[in-house]
Amino acid sequence: MPRALCSARGERFTCESHLKDSVYCEFNRIDRGVRTGRVLSRAACTWNESWGVLLDDLGINTYVWVANGCRAEFHRW
């Protein structure tokens, strides 16, 4: 699983995929959810197609994954 540190600022963070790669950005404690904010790529960022959320097997770490060139700023809510 390719991982990247996300660029975080408060409740916002950025996760970026380049070309066709999939990237997992660790962002702990997404208690309620996450949504896309500003899209930074020409590629679409579509839920369950080019981005989504994963919880690790222990239920400790949460990852936002992006793929197919999706680059976006995400917001916790």
N, C-alpha and C. Protein backbone atom coordinates (compact mmCIF):
# COMPACT_ATOMS: atom_id res chain seq x y z
N MET A 1 0.84 -1.17 0.00
CA MET A 1 0.00 0.00 0.00
C MET A 1 0.89 1.24 0.00
N PRO A 2 0.99 1.98 -1.10
CA PRO A 2 1.78 3.22 -1.10
C PRO A 2 1.14 4.22 -0.15
N ARG A 3 1.94 4.74 0.73
CA ARG A 3 1.42 5.70 1.71
C ARG A 3 2.10 7.04 1.51
N ALA A 4 1.39 8.08 1.88
CA ALA A 4 1.94 9.42 1.82
C ALA A 4 1.50 10.16 3.07
N LEU A 5 2.35 11.00 3.56
CA LEU A 5 1.93 11.87 4.65
C LEU A 5 1.06 12.95 4.04
N CYS A 6 -0.02 13.22 4.69
CA CYS A 6 -0.88 14.27 4.15
C CYS A 6 -0.39 15.62 4.64
N SER A 7 -0.72 16.61 3.88
CA SER A 7 -0.43 17.98 4.27
C SER A 7 -1.67 18.46 5.02
N ALA A 8 -1.56 18.63 6.32
CA ALA A 8 -2.73 18.95 7.13
C ALA A 8 -2.68 20.36 7.69
N ARG A 9 -3.84 20.97 7.74
CA ARG A 9 -3.99 22.29 8.35
C ARG A 9 -5.33 22.29 9.07
N GLY A 10 -5.30 22.09 10.38
CA GLY A 10 -6.54 22.03 11.15
C GLY A 10 -7.41 20.87 10.73
N GLU A 11 -8.60 21.16 10.32
CA GLU A 11 -9.56 20.14 9.91
C GLU A 11 -9.45 19.82 8.42
N ARG A 12 -8.50 20.44 7.71
CA ARG A 12 -8.32 20.21 6.28
C ARG A 12 -7.00 19.50 6.03
N PHE A 13 -6.99 18.67 4.98
CA PHE A 13 -5.74 18.04 4.58
C PHE A 13 -5.78 17.75 3.08
N THR A 14 -4.61 17.59 2.49
CA THR A 14 -4.50 17.34 1.06
C THR A 14 -3.94 15.94 0.82
N CYS A 15 -4.51 15.24 -0.15
CA CYS A 15 -4.03 13.93 -0.55
C CYS A 15 -3.99 13.92 -2.08
N GLU A 16 -2.89 13.42 -2.65
CA GLU A 16 -2.67 13.56 -4.09
C GLU A 16 -2.25 12.25 -4.75
N SER A 17 -2.91 11.93 -5.85
CA SER A 17 -2.52 10.83 -6.72
C SER A 17 -2.03 11.43 -8.02
N HIS A 18 -0.98 10.88 -8.55
CA HIS A 18 -0.46 11.35 -9.83
C HIS A 18 -0.60 10.23 -10.84
N LEU A 19 -1.14 10.54 -12.00
CA LEU A 19 -1.40 9.58 -13.06
C LEU A 19 -2.36 8.50 -12.56
N LYS A 20 -2.00 7.24 -12.69
CA LYS A 20 -2.91 6.14 -12.33
C LYS A 20 -2.61 5.52 -10.96
N ASP A 21 -1.63 6.08 -10.22
CA ASP A 21 -1.25 5.46 -8.95
C ASP A 21 -2.32 5.65 -7.88
N SER A 22 -2.32 4.76 -6.90
CA SER A 22 -3.18 4.87 -5.73
C SER A 22 -2.30 5.26 -4.55
N VAL A 23 -2.76 6.21 -3.77
CA VAL A 23 -2.01 6.70 -2.63
C VAL A 23 -2.93 6.67 -1.41
N TYR A 24 -2.38 6.27 -0.27
CA TYR A 24 -3.12 6.24 0.98
C TYR A 24 -2.52 7.28 1.92
N CYS A 25 -3.32 8.23 2.33
CA CYS A 25 -2.87 9.30 3.23
C CYS A 25 -3.43 9.03 4.61
N GLU A 26 -2.53 8.80 5.56
CA GLU A 26 -2.94 8.52 6.93
C GLU A 26 -3.47 9.78 7.57
N PHE A 27 -4.64 9.66 8.13
CA PHE A 27 -5.23 10.79 8.84
C PHE A 27 -6.07 10.22 9.96
N ASN A 28 -5.51 10.18 11.14
CA ASN A 28 -6.12 9.52 12.29
C ASN A 28 -7.39 10.22 12.76
N ARG A 29 -8.24 9.40 13.30
CA ARG A 29 -9.43 9.87 14.00
C ARG A 29 -10.42 10.63 13.14
N ILE A 30 -10.80 10.04 12.03
CA ILE A 30 -11.91 10.61 11.29
C ILE A 30 -13.16 10.07 11.96
N ASP A 31 -13.64 10.79 12.95
CA ASP A 31 -14.72 10.30 13.79
C ASP A 31 -16.07 10.30 13.08
N ARG A 32 -16.35 11.37 12.39
CA ARG A 32 -17.67 11.48 11.77
C ARG A 32 -17.62 11.23 10.28
N GLY A 33 -16.61 11.73 9.61
CA GLY A 33 -16.53 11.55 8.17
C GLY A 33 -15.58 12.54 7.53
N VAL A 34 -15.46 12.41 6.25
CA VAL A 34 -14.60 13.30 5.48
C VAL A 34 -15.28 13.55 4.14
N ARG A 35 -15.07 14.73 3.60
CA ARG A 35 -15.63 15.07 2.29
C ARG A 35 -14.59 15.84 1.50
N THR A 36 -14.77 15.87 0.21
CA THR A 36 -13.84 16.63 -0.62
C THR A 36 -14.15 18.11 -0.48
N GLY A 37 -13.10 18.88 -0.57
CA GLY A 37 -13.23 20.33 -0.63
C GLY A 37 -12.80 20.75 -2.02
N ARG A 38 -11.76 21.53 -2.08
CA ARG A 38 -11.26 22.03 -3.36
C ARG A 38 -10.52 20.92 -4.09
N VAL A 39 -10.91 20.66 -5.33
CA VAL A 39 -10.22 19.68 -6.17
C VAL A 39 -9.04 20.39 -6.83
N LEU A 40 -7.85 19.80 -6.71
CA LEU A 40 -6.62 20.42 -7.20
C LEU A 40 -6.16 19.84 -8.53
N SER A 41 -6.88 18.85 -9.05
CA SER A 41 -6.47 18.17 -10.27
C SER A 41 -7.48 18.41 -11.38
N ARG A 42 -7.05 18.13 -12.59
CA ARG A 42 -7.99 18.13 -13.72
C ARG A 42 -8.86 16.89 -13.67
N ALA A 43 -8.32 15.80 -13.13
CA ALA A 43 -9.07 14.55 -13.00
C ALA A 43 -10.17 14.71 -11.96
N ALA A 44 -11.27 14.02 -12.20
CA ALA A 44 -12.38 14.05 -11.25
C ALA A 44 -12.02 13.32 -9.96
N CYS A 45 -12.56 13.78 -8.86
CA CYS A 45 -12.43 13.10 -7.58
C CYS A 45 -13.83 12.64 -7.19
N THR A 46 -14.12 11.37 -7.47
CA THR A 46 -15.45 10.81 -7.29
C THR A 46 -15.42 9.74 -6.21
N TRP A 47 -16.34 9.85 -5.24
CA TRP A 47 -16.42 8.91 -4.14
C TRP A 47 -16.50 7.48 -4.64
N ASN A 48 -15.70 6.61 -4.06
CA ASN A 48 -15.63 5.17 -4.35
C ASN A 48 -15.12 4.84 -5.75
N GLU A 49 -14.74 5.84 -6.52
CA GLU A 49 -14.10 5.61 -7.82
C GLU A 49 -12.67 6.10 -7.80
N SER A 50 -12.46 7.33 -7.34
CA SER A 50 -11.10 7.87 -7.30
C SER A 50 -10.72 8.36 -5.91
N TRP A 51 -11.60 8.22 -4.92
CA TRP A 51 -11.21 8.46 -3.54
C TRP A 51 -12.18 7.73 -2.61
N GLY A 52 -11.68 7.45 -1.40
CA GLY A 52 -12.49 6.80 -0.39
C GLY A 52 -11.77 6.78 0.94
N VAL A 53 -12.33 6.09 1.90
CA VAL A 53 -11.79 6.03 3.26
C VAL A 53 -11.63 4.56 3.65
N LEU A 54 -10.50 4.24 4.30
CA LEU A 54 -10.22 2.90 4.80
C LEU A 54 -9.83 2.98 6.27
N LEU A 55 -10.23 1.99 7.03
CA LEU A 55 -9.80 1.83 8.41
C LEU A 55 -8.91 0.61 8.46
N ASP A 56 -7.79 0.69 9.17
CA ASP A 56 -6.89 -0.47 9.23
C ASP A 56 -7.53 -1.62 10.02
N ASP A 57 -6.91 -2.78 9.97
CA ASP A 57 -7.46 -3.98 10.60
C ASP A 57 -7.66 -3.86 12.10
N LEU A 58 -6.86 -3.02 12.75
CA LEU A 58 -6.98 -2.84 14.19
C LEU A 58 -7.98 -1.76 14.57
N GLY A 59 -8.46 -1.03 13.57
CA GLY A 59 -9.41 0.05 13.84
C GLY A 59 -8.76 1.27 14.47
N ILE A 60 -7.45 1.41 14.28
CA ILE A 60 -6.71 2.51 14.90
C ILE A 60 -6.44 3.64 13.92
N ASN A 61 -5.90 3.29 12.77
CA ASN A 61 -5.52 4.30 11.79
C ASN A 61 -6.54 4.39 10.66
N THR A 62 -6.81 5.59 10.24
CA THR A 62 -7.73 5.85 9.15
C THR A 62 -6.95 6.42 7.98
N TYR A 63 -7.28 5.95 6.78
CA TYR A 63 -6.61 6.41 5.57
C TYR A 63 -7.63 6.94 4.58
N VAL A 64 -7.30 8.03 3.95
CA VAL A 64 -8.03 8.47 2.77
C VAL A 64 -7.21 7.97 1.60
N TRP A 65 -7.84 7.29 0.65
CA TRP A 65 -7.11 6.84 -0.53
C TRP A 65 -7.57 7.67 -1.73
N VAL A 66 -6.64 7.95 -2.60
CA VAL A 66 -6.94 8.64 -3.86
C VAL A 66 -6.30 7.85 -4.99
N ALA A 67 -6.88 7.92 -6.18
CA ALA A 67 -6.38 7.17 -7.33
C ALA A 67 -6.73 7.92 -8.62
N ASN A 68 -6.15 7.45 -9.71
CA ASN A 68 -6.48 7.95 -11.05
C ASN A 68 -6.31 9.46 -11.21
N GLY A 69 -5.30 10.00 -10.55
CA GLY A 69 -4.99 11.42 -10.72
C GLY A 69 -5.80 12.36 -9.85
N CYS A 70 -6.62 11.84 -8.95
CA CYS A 70 -7.39 12.70 -8.03
C CYS A 70 -6.43 13.38 -7.06
N ARG A 71 -6.50 14.68 -7.00
CA ARG A 71 -5.74 15.48 -6.03
C ARG A 71 -6.72 16.47 -5.45
N ALA A 72 -6.89 16.44 -4.13
CA ALA A 72 -7.91 17.30 -3.53
C ALA A 72 -7.57 17.67 -2.10
N GLU A 73 -8.23 18.71 -1.66
CA GLU A 73 -8.21 19.10 -0.26
C GLU A 73 -9.44 18.45 0.36
N PHE A 74 -9.26 17.79 1.48
CA PHE A 74 -10.35 17.10 2.16
C PHE A 74 -10.65 17.79 3.47
N HIS A 75 -11.89 17.66 3.93
CA HIS A 75 -12.34 18.29 5.17
C HIS A 75 -12.97 17.25 6.07
N ARG A 76 -12.59 17.29 7.35
CA ARG A 76 -13.30 16.48 8.34
C ARG A 76 -14.60 17.20 8.67
N TRP A 77 -15.63 16.43 8.99
CA TRP A 77 -16.89 17.05 9.41
C TRP A 77 -17.53 16.26 10.52
